[in-house]
Structure formats: structure tokens, C-alpha cells
């Protein structure tokens, strides 16, 4: 398969302008041999929620787990990076196991009009969940370049692929733009960066929501997103999977960098994601929100402006942004 030549694609594979972020086998071995991982709890009890009803022109955004959000908008319901399986792994019997239930049970989801898929890593792209959505909701799916074959095998027939900065008109009133990110893709040996990665910027006349996906910090990227697409009313920003820094820095940001992204974007309100459900790296489960609070205080940002949600908790977005 060939793709358009660009500053992030050589026609066959994708890359980050200015340098690569993926790590090789020797890096993985060095990490595993020197790990100082903080223990995680085996299970954390939560109270699964039923998503609230949306009212008026405002969107309702509910955190389910990790990078999975339900976006209920006046123009349809969207699910970002849906993962409802027990493990995030190539196999169902091994790999990182969830430590809390989804904040919204799959059966409690409203009709999902479209899936927004940021990239192909297992903690973001869960084929069993995608198959359930394709079969029970007949959802459309919007993803970066290179994902069509994987998504067709999962049962989707309405597939839209986007390159960075491309905009898809979901309806006359709602646009979705794929934004760049500092990351990488691979689901199997030999498949490195055969698919693109990115985030999604949704905009209508009343609100804008930016789902960042996965990314390392870049000192110019997020300000350029603000310049091209405007400051979001609500930004969904990863805060976890960041230790050890020598290994994770290029692909995952830490909470202090997440706070800087909030400032670079000029977001009215941000919500932390990508933490607390699967043990993927070396920090403890509760370290990301604790480090976020410290970074917020150091930057003079109010807690209400960069929120931590519990799984199943919702925020509203629009002319007024608040919580439910």
C-alpha cells in the first residue's frame, strides 16, 4: 500500500517530522532489566454509571476508561479509542489486565454513530470491542491513514481515513480534523509505522472538543494546533504511562508536560486521561493525578481548569463548561 508523500510519510511508512519516537528491542530489554516499577492494586471498585442525557446545544463527555470517552453531541454520539476488553494485548490470556471495570458498561452505551480511532496500539485499538460496535451499533469509523484493512476485518463498512490536518464534514454543522501527534504505530513485528496516528478536533457552532490521542510533548506542535483550529473549549489530554522518562519521553508526556499542553492549546478546560486502568509503565496507579496536582499548582492553574474524572463521570461542553 502506498500513501501520499509528505513531511511525515515516505510513501510506505510514517514518521515524526524531525525525528522518530519508536523504541527498538534493545531499548525494551534495557527497560525490562532496569525496571523499578511501583506496585498497582489488583482491583479498584468503581460504581459504573449510565451516561446522562444531553440537553440543548451542549455536548456531554463521559470518561469510560483510559482513552475511551463517550462524546454525546447535538450531531451524534462518538466513542474514542474504545476498549471494553479485560486485557490490552495481542492475546486474550496474557498482557496488561484492567484494574477497574469500564465506567459505563457496554450495554449502557447509547447508539454510537461513529468511532474515532487515534492509532493501532492495543490499549487504544481493541478489535474485540470494535467487532461488538460494528455488529451491535453499525457505527461508522474515522481513523488515520492505513487503518482501513484492520477496521474492515473488524466488520466496519463505513470507514473514513484521514491524513494530518485533513477535515471530514460529519454533518453540515460538525467537522472533525485529524491533528498531528508525536507517537508511532505497531501491532506486530515488521509492522512499525505502516499506519498513521493522531488526535481529533471536533467543532460546531457552539463548542470545540480536542481528543489528543497519544503523544509525546513537542514545544511547537500544540500551539500550531491552536493557531490552525482555535483554542478548544474542552481538551482531553493524556497524563499517564510516562516512566521511565528516558524510554517514554518521546511518545508519552508526563503530567507537567500535560499542563504545558493545556497552556499551549489555550484550552478552557482540560480532562486528564490515559491512566488508572492498565499498568503499562513504571509509575504507580495514583501517581499521574498526584503529579498533575503538583504541576497545576506550580503553573498557577485551578483544579477546575484541568480536571481529573472518576470512570463514568461526565463534563458538559459548550457555551458553558461544567460537570455533572
C-alpha atoms as a PDB file:
ATOM      1  CA  UNK A   1       0.000   0.000   0.000  1.00  0.00           C
ATOM      2  CA  UNK A   2       1.277   3.478  -0.835  1.00  0.00           C
ATOM      3  CA  UNK A   3       0.438   6.809   0.763  1.00  0.00           C
ATOM      4  CA  UNK A   4       0.925  10.448  -0.274  1.00  0.00           C
ATOM      5  CA  UNK A   5       4.465  11.737   0.170  1.00  0.00           C
ATOM      6  CA  UNK A   6       4.659  14.345   2.915  1.00  0.00           C
ATOM      7  CA  UNK A   7       6.772  15.663   5.773  1.00  0.00           C
ATOM      8  CA  UNK A   8       5.633  12.614   7.778  1.00  0.00           C
ATOM      9  CA  UNK A   9       5.407   9.873   5.135  1.00  0.00           C
ATOM     10  CA  UNK A  10       7.871   8.409   2.624  1.00  0.00           C
ATOM     11  CA  UNK A  11       5.077   6.730   0.686  1.00  0.00           C
ATOM     12  CA  UNK A  12       5.253   3.444   2.577  1.00  0.00           C
ATOM     13  CA  UNK A  13       5.728   4.251   6.260  1.00  0.00           C
ATOM     14  CA  UNK A  14       5.019   7.196   8.526  1.00  0.00           C
ATOM     15  CA  UNK A  15       7.378   9.106  10.798  1.00  0.00           C
ATOM     16  CA  UNK A  16       7.505  12.144  13.054  1.00  0.00           C
ATOM     17  CA  UNK A  17       8.950  15.255  11.417  1.00  0.00           C
ATOM     18  CA  UNK A  18      12.339  15.972  12.962  1.00  0.00           C
ATOM     19  CA  UNK A  19      12.879  12.509  14.438  1.00  0.00           C
ATOM     20  CA  UNK A  20      11.441   9.093  15.253  1.00  0.00           C
ATOM     21  CA  UNK A  21       9.822   8.068  18.532  1.00  0.00           C
ATOM     22  CA  UNK A  22       9.530   4.285  18.370  1.00  0.00           C
ATOM     23  CA  UNK A  23      11.898   2.228  20.512  1.00  0.00           C
ATOM     24  CA  UNK A  24      13.789  -0.866  19.396  1.00  0.00           C
ATOM     25  CA  UNK A  25      14.221  -4.282  21.001  1.00  0.00           C
ATOM     26  CA  UNK A  26      17.454  -3.294  22.747  1.00  0.00           C
ATOM     27  CA  UNK A  27      15.676  -0.340  24.376  1.00  0.00           C
ATOM     28  CA  UNK A  28      12.895  -2.637  25.552  1.00  0.00           C
ATOM     29  CA  UNK A  29      15.421  -5.080  27.029  1.00  0.00           C
ATOM     30  CA  UNK A  30      17.261  -2.257  28.800  1.00  0.00           C
ATOM     31  CA  UNK A  31      13.969  -1.073  30.291  1.00  0.00           C
ATOM     32  CA  UNK A  32      12.907  -4.537  31.428  1.00  0.00           C
ATOM     33  CA  UNK A  33      16.284  -5.265  33.018  1.00  0.00           C
ATOM     34  CA  UNK A  34      16.377  -1.981  34.929  1.00  0.00           C
ATOM     35  CA  UNK A  35      12.703  -1.626  35.912  1.00  0.00           C
ATOM     36  CA  UNK A  36      11.744  -0.104  39.226  1.00  0.00           C
ATOM     37  CA  UNK A  37       8.001  -0.418  38.834  1.00  0.00           C
ATOM     38  CA  UNK A  38       5.653   0.804  41.560  1.00  0.00           C
ATOM     39  CA  UNK A  39       3.102  -1.902  42.515  1.00  0.00           C
ATOM     40  CA  UNK A  40      -0.516  -1.482  41.415  1.00  0.00           C
ATOM     41  CA  UNK A  41      -3.671  -2.704  43.165  1.00  0.00           C
ATOM     42  CA  UNK A  42      -5.164  -5.898  41.736  1.00  0.00           C
ATOM     43  CA  UNK A  43      -8.618  -4.334  41.545  1.00  0.00           C
ATOM     44  CA  UNK A  44     -10.279  -0.980  42.210  1.00  0.00           C
ATOM     45  CA  UNK A  45     -14.019  -0.929  42.784  1.00  0.00           C
ATOM     46  CA  UNK A  46     -15.963   1.745  40.943  1.00  0.00           C
ATOM     47  CA  UNK A  47     -19.682   2.366  40.500  1.00  0.00           C
ATOM     48  CA  UNK A  48     -20.493   2.057  36.774  1.00  0.00           C
ATOM     49  CA  UNK A  49     -22.695   4.893  35.521  1.00  0.00           C
ATOM     50  CA  UNK A  50     -25.403   5.437  32.939  1.00  0.00           C
ATOM     51  CA  UNK A  51     -24.476   8.400  30.711  1.00  0.00           C
ATOM     52  CA  UNK A  52     -26.563  11.500  31.418  1.00  0.00           C
ATOM     53  CA  UNK A  53     -28.986  12.848  28.841  1.00  0.00           C
ATOM     54  CA  UNK A  54     -27.634  15.665  26.738  1.00  0.00           C
ATOM     55  CA  UNK A  55     -29.607  18.927  26.808  1.00  0.00           C
ATOM     56  CA  UNK A  56     -29.723  21.864  24.410  1.00  0.00           C
ATOM     57  CA  UNK A  57     -26.710  22.565  22.225  1.00  0.00           C
ATOM     58  CA  UNK A  58     -24.110  21.396  24.715  1.00  0.00           C
ATOM     59  CA  UNK A  59     -22.061  18.234  24.351  1.00  0.00           C
ATOM     60  CA  UNK A  60     -21.696  15.770  27.210  1.00  0.00           C
ATOM     61  CA  UNK A  61     -18.340  13.996  27.530  1.00  0.00           C
ATOM     62  CA  UNK A  62     -18.067  10.896  29.737  1.00  0.00           C
ATOM     63  CA  UNK A  63     -14.796   9.184  30.663  1.00  0.00           C
ATOM     64  CA  UNK A  64     -15.137   5.391  30.471  1.00  0.00           C
ATOM     65  CA  UNK A  65     -11.535   4.275  30.939  1.00  0.00           C
ATOM     66  CA  UNK A  66      -8.025   5.074  29.696  1.00  0.00           C
ATOM     67  CA  UNK A  67      -8.551   6.865  26.343  1.00  0.00           C
ATOM     68  CA  UNK A  68     -12.177   5.788  25.890  1.00  0.00           C
ATOM     69  CA  UNK A  69     -14.639   8.696  26.046  1.00  0.00           C
ATOM     70  CA  UNK A  70     -18.279   8.896  25.073  1.00  0.00           C
ATOM     71  CA  UNK A  71     -18.919  12.193  23.277  1.00  0.00           C
ATOM     72  CA  UNK A  72     -22.638  12.958  23.105  1.00  0.00           C
ATOM     73  CA  UNK A  73     -23.042  15.909  20.754  1.00  0.00           C
ATOM     74  CA  UNK A  74     -26.024  17.563  19.054  1.00  0.00           C
ATOM     75  CA  UNK A  75     -24.812  15.895  15.846  1.00  0.00           C
ATOM     76  CA  UNK A  76     -24.364  12.318  17.048  1.00  0.00           C
ATOM     77  CA  UNK A  77     -22.624  10.126  19.594  1.00  0.00           C
ATOM     78  CA  UNK A  78     -18.935   9.315  19.221  1.00  0.00           C
ATOM     79  CA  UNK A  79     -16.676   6.870  21.052  1.00  0.00           C
ATOM     80  CA  UNK A  80     -12.932   7.490  21.181  1.00  0.00           C
ATOM     81  CA  UNK A  81     -10.439   4.592  21.203  1.00  0.00           C
ATOM     82  CA  UNK A  82     -13.000   2.115  22.579  1.00  0.00           C
ATOM     83  CA  UNK A  83     -11.620  -0.639  24.812  1.00  0.00           C
ATOM     84  CA  UNK A  84     -14.013  -2.764  26.901  1.00  0.00           C
ATOM     85  CA  UNK A  85     -11.927  -5.967  26.987  1.00  0.00           C
ATOM     86  CA  UNK A  86     -10.190  -7.309  30.078  1.00  0.00           C
ATOM     87  CA  UNK A  87      -6.705  -7.153  28.574  1.00  0.00           C
ATOM     88  CA  UNK A  88      -4.857  -4.889  26.119  1.00  0.00           C
ATOM     89  CA  UNK A  89      -2.735  -7.448  24.349  1.00  0.00           C
ATOM     90  CA  UNK A  90      -2.410  -9.481  21.133  1.00  0.00           C
ATOM     91  CA  UNK A  91      -3.848 -12.442  23.089  1.00  0.00           C
ATOM     92  CA  UNK A  92      -6.762 -12.736  25.498  1.00  0.00           C
ATOM     93  CA  UNK A  93      -4.896 -14.806  28.116  1.00  0.00           C
ATOM     94  CA  UNK A  94      -1.845 -12.593  28.783  1.00  0.00           C
ATOM     95  CA  UNK A  95      -0.804  -8.963  28.875  1.00  0.00           C
ATOM     96  CA  UNK A  96      -1.932  -5.962  30.932  1.00  0.00           C
ATOM     97  CA  UNK A  97      -5.212  -6.691  32.722  1.00  0.00           C
ATOM     98  CA  UNK A  98      -7.670  -3.971  33.674  1.00  0.00           C
ATOM     99  CA  UNK A  99      -7.862  -2.981  37.347  1.00  0.00           C
ATOM    100  CA  UNK A 100     -11.315  -1.415  37.215  1.00  0.00           C
ATOM    101  CA  UNK A 101     -14.498  -2.017  35.284  1.00  0.00           C
ATOM    102  CA  UNK A 102     -15.488   0.340  32.453  1.00  0.00           C
ATOM    103  CA  UNK A 103     -17.081   3.467  33.879  1.00  0.00           C
ATOM    104  CA  UNK A 104     -20.024   2.879  31.536  1.00  0.00           C
ATOM    105  CA  UNK A 105     -20.959  -0.740  30.746  1.00  0.00           C
ATOM    106  CA  UNK A 106     -21.003  -1.574  27.049  1.00  0.00           C
ATOM    107  CA  UNK A 107     -24.694  -2.430  27.329  1.00  0.00           C
ATOM    108  CA  UNK A 108     -25.460   1.040  28.736  1.00  0.00           C
ATOM    109  CA  UNK A 109     -23.977   2.908  25.773  1.00  0.00           C
ATOM    110  CA  UNK A 110     -26.385   4.964  23.686  1.00  0.00           C
ATOM    111  CA  UNK A 111     -26.413   4.459  19.938  1.00  0.00           C
ATOM    112  CA  UNK A 112     -22.819   5.054  18.769  1.00  0.00           C
ATOM    113  CA  UNK A 113     -22.838   6.857  15.440  1.00  0.00           C
ATOM    114  CA  UNK A 114     -19.077   6.795  14.909  1.00  0.00           C
ATOM    115  CA  UNK A 115     -15.838   5.568  16.444  1.00  0.00           C
ATOM    116  CA  UNK A 116     -12.850   7.933  16.481  1.00  0.00           C
ATOM    117  CA  UNK A 117      -9.695   5.791  16.456  1.00  0.00           C
ATOM    118  CA  UNK A 118      -6.374   7.535  17.114  1.00  0.00           C
ATOM    119  CA  UNK A 119      -3.925   4.716  16.335  1.00  0.00           C
ATOM    120  CA  UNK A 120      -3.396   0.954  16.364  1.00  0.00           C
ATOM    121  CA  UNK A 121      -1.787   0.231  19.762  1.00  0.00           C
ATOM    122  CA  UNK A 122      -3.672  -2.380  21.760  1.00  0.00           C
ATOM    123  CA  UNK A 123      -4.633  -0.017  24.595  1.00  0.00           C
ATOM    124  CA  UNK A 124      -6.384   2.183  22.011  1.00  0.00           C
ATOM    125  CA  UNK A 125      -7.403  -0.232  19.244  1.00  0.00           C
ATOM    126  CA  UNK A 126      -9.188  -3.269  20.688  1.00  0.00           C
ATOM    127  CA  UNK A 127     -10.509  -5.484  17.904  1.00  0.00           C
ATOM    128  CA  UNK A 128     -12.986  -7.464  20.089  1.00  0.00           C
ATOM    129  CA  UNK A 129     -14.606  -4.185  21.182  1.00  0.00           C
ATOM    130  CA  UNK A 130     -14.575  -2.863  17.629  1.00  0.00           C
ATOM    131  CA  UNK A 131     -16.313  -6.031  16.427  1.00  0.00           C
ATOM    132  CA  UNK A 132     -19.027  -5.580  19.063  1.00  0.00           C
ATOM    133  CA  UNK A 133     -19.585  -1.989  17.976  1.00  0.00           C
ATOM    134  CA  UNK A 134     -19.706  -2.881  14.297  1.00  0.00           C
ATOM    135  CA  UNK A 135     -22.185  -5.690  14.961  1.00  0.00           C
ATOM    136  CA  UNK A 136     -24.485  -4.026  17.509  1.00  0.00           C
ATOM    137  CA  UNK A 137     -24.302  -0.327  16.587  1.00  0.00           C
ATOM    138  CA  UNK A 138     -23.395  -0.428  12.872  1.00  0.00           C
ATOM    139  CA  UNK A 139     -21.148   2.534  13.643  1.00  0.00           C
ATOM    140  CA  UNK A 140     -19.072   4.446  11.155  1.00  0.00           C
ATOM    141  CA  UNK A 141     -15.375   4.773  11.991  1.00  0.00           C
ATOM    142  CA  UNK A 142     -12.898   7.581  11.357  1.00  0.00           C
ATOM    143  CA  UNK A 143      -9.181   6.821  11.657  1.00  0.00           C
ATOM    144  CA  UNK A 144      -5.757   7.909  10.396  1.00  0.00           C
ATOM    145  CA  UNK A 145      -4.359   6.602   7.113  1.00  0.00           C
ATOM    146  CA  UNK A 146      -3.561   2.892   6.923  1.00  0.00           C
ATOM    147  CA  UNK A 147      -6.283   1.505   9.215  1.00  0.00           C
ATOM    148  CA  UNK A 148      -8.871   0.535   6.591  1.00  0.00           C
ATOM    149  CA  UNK A 149      -7.907  -3.142   6.312  1.00  0.00           C
ATOM    150  CA  UNK A 150      -7.849  -3.673  10.076  1.00  0.00           C
ATOM    151  CA  UNK A 151     -11.204  -1.954  10.504  1.00  0.00           C
ATOM    152  CA  UNK A 152     -12.828  -3.798   7.610  1.00  0.00           C
ATOM    153  CA  UNK A 153     -11.756  -7.105   9.184  1.00  0.00           C
ATOM    154  CA  UNK A 154     -13.446  -5.934  12.397  1.00  0.00           C
ATOM    155  CA  UNK A 155     -16.714  -5.613  10.485  1.00  0.00           C
ATOM    156  CA  UNK A 156     -16.969  -1.913   9.640  1.00  0.00           C
ATOM    157  CA  UNK A 157     -18.275  -0.919   6.222  1.00  0.00           C
ATOM    158  CA  UNK A 158     -18.289   2.888   6.637  1.00  0.00           C
ATOM    159  CA  UNK A 159     -14.620   3.794   7.080  1.00  0.00           C
ATOM    160  CA  UNK A 160     -13.083   7.244   6.635  1.00  0.00           C
ATOM    161  CA  UNK A 161      -9.290   7.621   6.695  1.00  0.00           C
ATOM    162  CA  UNK A 162      -7.655  10.999   7.221  1.00  0.00           C
ATOM    163  CA  UNK A 163      -4.156  12.426   6.943  1.00  0.00           C
ATOM    164  CA  UNK A 164      -2.875  15.031   9.383  1.00  0.00           C
ATOM    165  CA  UNK A 165      -4.816  18.303   9.097  1.00  0.00           C
ATOM    166  CA  UNK A 166      -7.476  16.767   6.872  1.00  0.00           C
ATOM    167  CA  UNK A 167     -11.036  17.663   7.843  1.00  0.00           C
ATOM    168  CA  UNK A 168     -14.093  15.439   7.491  1.00  0.00           C
ATOM    169  CA  UNK A 169     -17.538  17.060   7.392  1.00  0.00           C
ATOM    170  CA  UNK A 170     -19.531  14.695   9.572  1.00  0.00           C
ATOM    171  CA  UNK A 171     -22.604  16.856   9.069  1.00  0.00           C
ATOM    172  CA  UNK A 172     -23.265  20.375   7.772  1.00  0.00           C
ATOM    173  CA  UNK A 173     -22.766  21.579  11.358  1.00  0.00           C
ATOM    174  CA  UNK A 174     -19.878  19.402  12.661  1.00  0.00           C
ATOM    175  CA  UNK A 175     -16.340  18.989  11.361  1.00  0.00           C
ATOM    176  CA  UNK A 176     -13.661  16.550  12.531  1.00  0.00           C
ATOM    177  CA  UNK A 177      -9.990  17.271  11.853  1.00  0.00           C
ATOM    178  CA  UNK A 178      -7.163  14.771  12.332  1.00  0.00           C
ATOM    179  CA  UNK A 179      -4.339  16.506  14.180  1.00  0.00           C
ATOM    180  CA  UNK A 180      -0.645  15.543  14.314  1.00  0.00           C
ATOM    181  CA  UNK A 181       0.849  13.804  17.350  1.00  0.00           C
ATOM    182  CA  UNK A 182       4.336  12.670  18.391  1.00  0.00           C
ATOM    183  CA  UNK A 183       3.852   8.925  18.507  1.00  0.00           C
ATOM    184  CA  UNK A 184       4.153   5.721  16.447  1.00  0.00           C
ATOM    185  CA  UNK A 185       2.233   2.582  15.429  1.00  0.00           C
ATOM    186  CA  UNK A 186       2.796  -1.189  15.538  1.00  0.00           C
ATOM    187  CA  UNK A 187       0.662  -4.246  16.278  1.00  0.00           C
ATOM    188  CA  UNK A 188       3.087  -6.919  15.093  1.00  0.00           C
ATOM    189  CA  UNK A 189       6.763  -7.446  14.339  1.00  0.00           C
ATOM    190  CA  UNK A 190       7.555  -5.899  10.988  1.00  0.00           C
ATOM    191  CA  UNK A 191       4.533  -3.600  11.075  1.00  0.00           C
ATOM    192  CA  UNK A 192       6.170  -0.490  12.502  1.00  0.00           C
ATOM    193  CA  UNK A 193       4.549   2.744  11.317  1.00  0.00           C
ATOM    194  CA  UNK A 194       2.582   1.188   8.474  1.00  0.00           C
ATOM    195  CA  UNK A 195      -0.355   3.149   9.894  1.00  0.00           C
ATOM    196  CA  UNK A 196      -0.579   6.809  10.876  1.00  0.00           C
ATOM    197  CA  UNK A 197      -1.519   8.161  14.333  1.00  0.00           C
ATOM    198  CA  UNK A 198      -3.134  11.395  15.502  1.00  0.00           C
ATOM    199  CA  UNK A 199      -5.789  13.185  17.529  1.00  0.00           C
ATOM    200  CA  UNK A 200      -9.237  14.554  16.687  1.00  0.00           C
ATOM    201  CA  UNK A 201     -10.520  18.109  16.829  1.00  0.00           C
ATOM    202  CA  UNK A 202     -14.325  18.381  16.715  1.00  0.00           C
ATOM    203  CA  UNK A 203     -16.020  21.727  16.105  1.00  0.00           C
ATOM    204  CA  UNK A 204     -19.534  23.033  15.681  1.00  0.00           C
ATOM    205  CA  UNK A 205     -21.038  26.486  16.137  1.00  0.00           C
ATOM    206  CA  UNK A 206     -21.266  26.138  19.917  1.00  0.00           C
ATOM    207  CA  UNK A 207     -18.228  24.168  21.049  1.00  0.00           C
ATOM    208  CA  UNK A 208     -14.942  22.515  20.177  1.00  0.00           C
ATOM    209  CA  UNK A 209     -13.501  19.342  21.689  1.00  0.00           C
ATOM    210  CA  UNK A 210      -9.934  18.152  21.192  1.00  0.00           C
ATOM    211  CA  UNK A 211      -9.112  14.487  21.851  1.00  0.00           C
ATOM    212  CA  UNK A 212      -5.331  14.320  21.801  1.00  0.00           C
ATOM    213  CA  UNK A 213      -4.835  10.545  21.466  1.00  0.00           C
ATOM    214  CA  UNK A 214      -1.271   9.518  22.416  1.00  0.00           C
ATOM    215  CA  UNK A 215       1.671  11.892  22.100  1.00  0.00           C
ATOM    216  CA  UNK A 216       4.976  12.949  23.489  1.00  0.00           C
ATOM    217  CA  UNK A 217       5.428  16.638  24.191  1.00  0.00           C
ATOM    218  CA  UNK A 218       6.539  18.910  21.380  1.00  0.00           C
ATOM    219  CA  UNK A 219       7.281  22.606  22.040  1.00  0.00           C
ATOM    220  CA  UNK A 220       5.614  23.835  18.822  1.00  0.00           C
ATOM    221  CA  UNK A 221       3.016  21.198  17.912  1.00  0.00           C
ATOM    222  CA  UNK A 222       0.170  22.137  20.239  1.00  0.00           C
ATOM    223  CA  UNK A 223       0.481  25.862  19.755  1.00  0.00           C
ATOM    224  CA  UNK A 224       0.308  25.211  16.000  1.00  0.00           C
ATOM    225  CA  UNK A 225      -2.911  23.223  16.536  1.00  0.00           C
ATOM    226  CA  UNK A 226      -4.329  26.209  18.422  1.00  0.00           C
ATOM    227  CA  UNK A 227      -3.276  28.578  15.645  1.00  0.00           C
ATOM    228  CA  UNK A 228      -4.888  26.480  12.913  1.00  0.00           C
ATOM    229  CA  UNK A 229      -8.010  25.217  14.678  1.00  0.00           C
ATOM    230  CA  UNK A 230      -8.565  27.575  17.592  1.00  0.00           C
ATOM    231  CA  UNK A 231      -8.385  27.064  21.342  1.00  0.00           C
ATOM    232  CA  UNK A 232     -10.640  24.139  22.356  1.00  0.00           C
ATOM    233  CA  UNK A 233     -13.425  24.513  24.863  1.00  0.00           C
ATOM    234  CA  UNK A 234     -12.540  21.045  26.173  1.00  0.00           C
ATOM    235  CA  UNK A 235      -9.237  19.188  25.737  1.00  0.00           C
ATOM    236  CA  UNK A 236      -8.790  15.502  26.604  1.00  0.00           C
ATOM    237  CA  UNK A 237      -5.088  15.158  27.428  1.00  0.00           C
ATOM    238  CA  UNK A 238      -3.068  12.050  28.430  1.00  0.00           C
ATOM    239  CA  UNK A 239      -1.318  12.235  31.803  1.00  0.00           C
ATOM    240  CA  UNK A 240      -0.137   8.627  32.353  1.00  0.00           C
ATOM    241  CA  UNK A 241       2.252   5.919  31.062  1.00  0.00           C
ATOM    242  CA  UNK A 242       5.350   8.123  31.336  1.00  0.00           C
ATOM    243  CA  UNK A 243       8.011   6.292  33.422  1.00  0.00           C
ATOM    244  CA  UNK A 244      10.903   5.746  32.920  1.00  0.00           C
ATOM    245  CA  UNK A 245      11.350   9.082  31.172  1.00  0.00           C
ATOM    246  CA  UNK A 246      14.365   8.022  29.081  1.00  0.00           C
ATOM    247  CA  UNK A 247      12.178   5.369  27.443  1.00  0.00           C
ATOM    248  CA  UNK A 248       8.759   7.054  27.367  1.00  0.00           C
ATOM    249  CA  UNK A 249       9.583  10.715  26.804  1.00  0.00           C
ATOM    250  CA  UNK A 250       9.399  10.643  23.018  1.00  0.00           C
ATOM    251  CA  UNK A 251       5.948   9.023  22.862  1.00  0.00           C
ATOM    252  CA  UNK A 252       4.165   9.799  26.169  1.00  0.00           C
ATOM    253  CA  UNK A 253       4.047  13.047  28.119  1.00  0.00           C
ATOM    254  CA  UNK A 254       4.234  13.325  31.892  1.00  0.00           C
ATOM    255  CA  UNK A 255       1.753  15.448  33.904  1.00  0.00           C
ATOM    256  CA  UNK A 256       3.990  18.530  33.904  1.00  0.00           C
ATOM    257  CA  UNK A 257       4.134  18.356  30.101  1.00  0.00           C
ATOM    258  CA  UNK A 258       0.382  17.764  30.008  1.00  0.00           C
ATOM    259  CA  UNK A 259      -0.115  21.029  31.899  1.00  0.00           C
ATOM    260  CA  UNK A 260       2.092  22.762  29.340  1.00  0.00           C
ATOM    261  CA  UNK A 261      -0.046  21.293  26.553  1.00  0.00           C
ATOM    262  CA  UNK A 262      -3.131  22.729  28.296  1.00  0.00           C
ATOM    263  CA  UNK A 263      -1.435  26.136  28.205  1.00  0.00           C
ATOM    264  CA  UNK A 264      -0.131  25.763  24.638  1.00  0.00           C
ATOM    265  CA  UNK A 265      -3.641  24.927  23.442  1.00  0.00           C
ATOM    266  CA  UNK A 266      -5.290  27.708  25.416  1.00  0.00           C
ATOM    267  CA  UNK A 267      -7.940  25.172  26.437  1.00  0.00           C
ATOM    268  CA  UNK A 268     -10.784  26.481  28.569  1.00  0.00           C
ATOM    269  CA  UNK A 269     -10.989  23.170  30.425  1.00  0.00           C
ATOM    270  CA  UNK A 270      -8.881  20.017  30.159  1.00  0.00           C
ATOM    271  CA  UNK A 271      -9.505  16.488  31.420  1.00  0.00           C
ATOM    272  CA  UNK A 272      -6.714  14.021  32.189  1.00  0.00           C
ATOM    273  CA  UNK A 273      -6.882  10.591  30.552  1.00  0.00           C
ATOM    274  CA  UNK A 274      -4.649   7.581  29.762  1.00  0.00           C
ATOM    275  CA  UNK A 275      -4.159   6.489  33.365  1.00  0.00           C
ATOM    276  CA  UNK A 276      -5.539   4.189  36.036  1.00  0.00           C
ATOM    277  CA  UNK A 277      -6.942   1.224  34.098  1.00  0.00           C
ATOM    278  CA  UNK A 278      -3.990  -0.800  32.767  1.00  0.00           C
ATOM    279  CA  UNK A 279      -0.490  -0.959  34.186  1.00  0.00           C
ATOM    280  CA  UNK A 280       1.599  -0.153  31.121  1.00  0.00           C
ATOM    281  CA  UNK A 281       4.683   1.570  32.557  1.00  0.00           C
ATOM    282  CA  UNK A 282       6.545   2.020  35.844  1.00  0.00           C
ATOM    283  CA  UNK A 283       4.700   4.769  37.733  1.00  0.00           C
ATOM    284  CA  UNK A 284       2.089   3.857  40.335  1.00  0.00           C
ATOM    285  CA  UNK A 285      -1.609   3.953  39.561  1.00  0.00           C
ATOM    286  CA  UNK A 286      -2.235   7.115  41.598  1.00  0.00           C
ATOM    287  CA  UNK A 287       0.965   8.898  40.597  1.00  0.00           C
ATOM    288  CA  UNK A 288      -0.431  10.690  37.493  1.00  0.00           C
ATOM    289  CA  UNK A 289      -3.246  12.595  39.278  1.00  0.00           C
ATOM    290  CA  UNK A 290      -0.916  13.401  42.171  1.00  0.00           C
ATOM    291  CA  UNK A 291       1.772  14.713  39.805  1.00  0.00           C
ATOM    292  CA  UNK A 292      -0.869  16.616  37.845  1.00  0.00           C
ATOM    293  CA  UNK A 293      -1.977  18.405  41.024  1.00  0.00           C
ATOM    294  CA  UNK A 294       1.636  19.422  41.727  1.00  0.00           C
ATOM    295  CA  UNK A 295       2.166  20.610  38.147  1.00  0.00           C
ATOM    296  CA  UNK A 296      -1.120  22.527  38.190  1.00  0.00           C
ATOM    297  CA  UNK A 297      -0.184  24.301  41.395  1.00  0.00           C
ATOM    298  CA  UNK A 298       3.284  25.183  40.067  1.00  0.00           C
ATOM    299  CA  UNK A 299       1.718  26.663  36.924  1.00  0.00           C
ATOM    300  CA  UNK A 300      -0.995  28.547  38.807  1.00  0.00           C
ATOM    301  CA  UNK A 301      -3.826  26.597  37.121  1.00  0.00           C
ATOM    302  CA  UNK A 302      -7.034  25.995  39.033  1.00  0.00           C
ATOM    303  CA  UNK A 303      -8.153  22.424  39.687  1.00  0.00           C
ATOM    304  CA  UNK A 304     -11.419  23.137  37.833  1.00  0.00           C
ATOM    305  CA  UNK A 305      -9.456  24.069  34.703  1.00  0.00           C
ATOM    306  CA  UNK A 306      -7.598  20.740  34.422  1.00  0.00           C
ATOM    307  CA  UNK A 307      -9.874  18.075  35.794  1.00  0.00           C
ATOM    308  CA  UNK A 308      -9.470  14.520  36.968  1.00  0.00           C
ATOM    309  CA  UNK A 309     -12.611  12.439  36.485  1.00  0.00           C
ATOM    310  CA  UNK A 310     -13.595   9.145  38.012  1.00  0.00           C
ATOM    311  CA  UNK A 311     -14.587   6.464  35.467  1.00  0.00           C
ATOM    312  CA  UNK A 312     -18.198   7.132  34.469  1.00  0.00           C
ATOM    313  CA  UNK A 313     -18.067  10.838  35.387  1.00  0.00           C
ATOM    314  CA  UNK A 314     -19.150  13.424  32.808  1.00  0.00           C
ATOM    315  CA  UNK A 315     -18.451  17.046  31.900  1.00  0.00           C
ATOM    316  CA  UNK A 316     -20.534  19.318  29.705  1.00  0.00           C
ATOM    317  CA  UNK A 317     -19.064  21.454  26.977  1.00  0.00           C
ATOM    318  CA  UNK A 318     -20.449  24.397  25.061  1.00  0.00           C
ATOM    319  CA  UNK A 319     -21.319  27.968  25.869  1.00  0.00           C
ATOM    320  CA  UNK A 320     -20.702  26.929  29.462  1.00  0.00           C
ATOM    321  CA  UNK A 321     -18.379  24.105  30.589  1.00  0.00           C
ATOM    322  CA  UNK A 322     -19.105  22.375  33.881  1.00  0.00           C
ATOM    323  CA  UNK A 323     -19.616  18.988  35.496  1.00  0.00           C
ATOM    324  CA  UNK A 324     -22.441  16.527  36.087  1.00  0.00           C
END
